[in-house]
Amino acid sequence: MEILAKLNELTGFAPDEDIELFEEIKFEPNVMCEHVDKKLTFRASQLEDG
């Protein structure tokens, strides 16, 4: 299953709903997030857990 369709399913959105993805860079003292390019794989975007 395509990851965007799965994310939409998990959130209760329509499968073809256009969503924006962001990566949390840091949380303290202020939240910092960066936009994730949906055309790239998570690996190419250097997304990690932790």
N, C-alpha and C. Protein backbone atom coordinates (compact mmCIF):
# COMPACT_ATOMS: atom_id res chain seq x y z
N MET A 1 0.85 -1.19 0.00
CA MET A 1 0.00 0.00 0.00
C MET A 1 0.89 1.24 0.00
N GLU A 2 0.53 2.20 -0.81
CA GLU A 2 1.29 3.44 -0.85
C GLU A 2 1.21 4.13 0.51
N ILE A 3 2.33 4.66 0.96
CA ILE A 3 2.41 5.23 2.31
C ILE A 3 1.45 6.41 2.50
N LEU A 4 1.27 7.26 1.49
CA LEU A 4 0.37 8.40 1.67
C LEU A 4 -1.07 7.94 1.84
N ALA A 5 -1.48 6.92 1.08
CA ALA A 5 -2.84 6.38 1.23
C ALA A 5 -3.00 5.77 2.62
N LYS A 6 -1.97 5.09 3.11
CA LYS A 6 -2.02 4.48 4.45
C LYS A 6 -2.10 5.56 5.53
N LEU A 7 -1.33 6.63 5.39
CA LEU A 7 -1.39 7.73 6.35
C LEU A 7 -2.79 8.35 6.36
N ASN A 8 -3.37 8.53 5.17
CA ASN A 8 -4.73 9.07 5.08
C ASN A 8 -5.72 8.14 5.77
N GLU A 9 -5.57 6.83 5.56
CA GLU A 9 -6.46 5.86 6.20
C GLU A 9 -6.35 5.94 7.72
N LEU A 10 -5.13 6.02 8.24
CA LEU A 10 -4.91 6.08 9.68
C LEU A 10 -5.53 7.33 10.32
N THR A 11 -5.58 8.42 9.56
CA THR A 11 -6.11 9.67 10.10
C THR A 11 -7.59 9.88 9.78
N GLY A 12 -8.17 8.95 8.99
CA GLY A 12 -9.59 9.07 8.66
C GLY A 12 -9.88 9.96 7.48
N PHE A 13 -8.85 10.32 6.72
CA PHE A 13 -9.05 11.13 5.52
C PHE A 13 -9.37 10.24 4.33
N ALA A 14 -9.90 10.83 3.28
CA ALA A 14 -10.13 10.09 2.03
C ALA A 14 -8.79 9.65 1.47
N PRO A 15 -8.73 8.47 0.81
CA PRO A 15 -7.46 7.95 0.31
C PRO A 15 -6.72 8.89 -0.64
N ASP A 16 -7.46 9.73 -1.36
CA ASP A 16 -6.83 10.63 -2.33
C ASP A 16 -6.68 12.06 -1.80
N GLU A 17 -6.94 12.26 -0.50
CA GLU A 17 -6.80 13.60 0.11
C GLU A 17 -5.33 14.03 0.05
N ASP A 18 -5.10 15.26 -0.38
CA ASP A 18 -3.74 15.79 -0.44
C ASP A 18 -3.32 16.24 0.96
N ILE A 19 -2.23 15.68 1.47
CA ILE A 19 -1.75 16.05 2.80
C ILE A 19 -0.32 16.57 2.71
N GLU A 20 0.05 17.36 3.68
CA GLU A 20 1.41 17.87 3.78
C GLU A 20 2.13 17.09 4.88
N LEU A 21 3.38 16.76 4.65
CA LEU A 21 4.17 16.03 5.64
C LEU A 21 5.28 16.92 6.16
N PHE A 22 5.53 16.84 7.48
CA PHE A 22 6.58 17.61 8.12
C PHE A 22 7.38 16.70 9.03
N GLU A 23 8.66 16.99 9.15
CA GLU A 23 9.53 16.28 10.08
C GLU A 23 9.83 17.20 11.26
N GLU A 24 9.64 16.67 12.47
CA GLU A 24 10.00 17.44 13.66
C GLU A 24 11.51 17.38 13.83
N ILE A 25 12.15 18.53 13.81
CA ILE A 25 13.60 18.62 13.95
C ILE A 25 13.98 18.71 15.42
N LYS A 26 13.30 19.56 16.15
CA LYS A 26 13.51 19.66 17.60
C LYS A 26 12.22 20.13 18.25
N PHE A 27 12.12 19.88 19.54
CA PHE A 27 10.89 20.22 20.26
C PHE A 27 11.11 21.30 21.31
N GLU A 28 12.27 21.32 21.92
CA GLU A 28 12.54 22.26 22.99
C GLU A 28 13.70 23.17 22.62
N PRO A 29 13.74 24.40 22.94
CA PRO A 29 12.72 25.17 23.64
C PRO A 29 11.56 25.58 22.73
N ASN A 30 11.76 25.53 21.43
CA ASN A 30 10.68 25.83 20.48
C ASN A 30 10.58 24.70 19.47
N VAL A 31 9.38 24.44 19.01
CA VAL A 31 9.18 23.40 18.00
C VAL A 31 9.75 23.88 16.67
N MET A 32 10.54 23.01 16.02
CA MET A 32 11.07 23.31 14.70
C MET A 32 10.75 22.13 13.79
N CYS A 33 10.06 22.41 12.68
CA CYS A 33 9.69 21.36 11.72
C CYS A 33 10.12 21.79 10.33
N GLU A 34 10.39 20.78 9.50
CA GLU A 34 10.72 21.03 8.10
C GLU A 34 9.76 20.27 7.21
N HIS A 35 9.41 20.89 6.09
CA HIS A 35 8.53 20.25 5.11
C HIS A 35 9.22 19.04 4.50
N VAL A 36 8.48 17.96 4.29
CA VAL A 36 9.00 16.74 3.67
C VAL A 36 8.50 16.69 2.23
N ASP A 37 9.41 16.52 1.29
CA ASP A 37 9.06 16.42 -0.12
C ASP A 37 8.44 15.05 -0.37
N LYS A 38 7.16 15.01 -0.74
CA LYS A 38 6.45 13.75 -0.93
C LYS A 38 6.93 12.99 -2.15
N LYS A 39 7.71 13.63 -3.01
CA LYS A 39 8.24 12.95 -4.20
C LYS A 39 9.45 12.09 -3.86
N LEU A 40 10.07 12.33 -2.71
CA LEU A 40 11.25 11.57 -2.29
C LEU A 40 10.85 10.44 -1.34
N THR A 41 11.66 9.39 -1.30
CA THR A 41 11.45 8.34 -0.32
C THR A 41 11.85 8.86 1.06
N PHE A 42 11.40 8.16 2.10
CA PHE A 42 11.80 8.55 3.44
C PHE A 42 13.32 8.46 3.58
N ARG A 43 13.91 7.45 2.98
CA ARG A 43 15.37 7.30 3.05
C ARG A 43 16.06 8.47 2.36
N ALA A 44 15.59 8.85 1.17
CA ALA A 44 16.19 9.97 0.44
C ALA A 44 16.01 11.28 1.20
N SER A 45 14.92 11.38 1.95
CA SER A 45 14.68 12.57 2.77
C SER A 45 15.46 12.54 4.07
N GLN A 46 16.17 11.45 4.31
CA GLN A 46 16.96 11.24 5.52
C GLN A 46 16.10 11.30 6.78
N LEU A 47 14.88 10.73 6.69
CA LEU A 47 14.00 10.66 7.85
C LEU A 47 14.42 9.50 8.73
N GLU A 48 14.46 9.74 10.03
CA GLU A 48 14.87 8.73 11.01
C GLU A 48 13.94 8.81 12.21
N ASP A 49 13.93 7.75 12.99
CA ASP A 49 13.24 7.83 14.26
C ASP A 49 14.26 8.16 15.34
N GLY A 50 13.77 8.73 16.41
CA GLY A 50 14.68 9.00 17.51
C GLY A 50 14.93 10.41 17.79
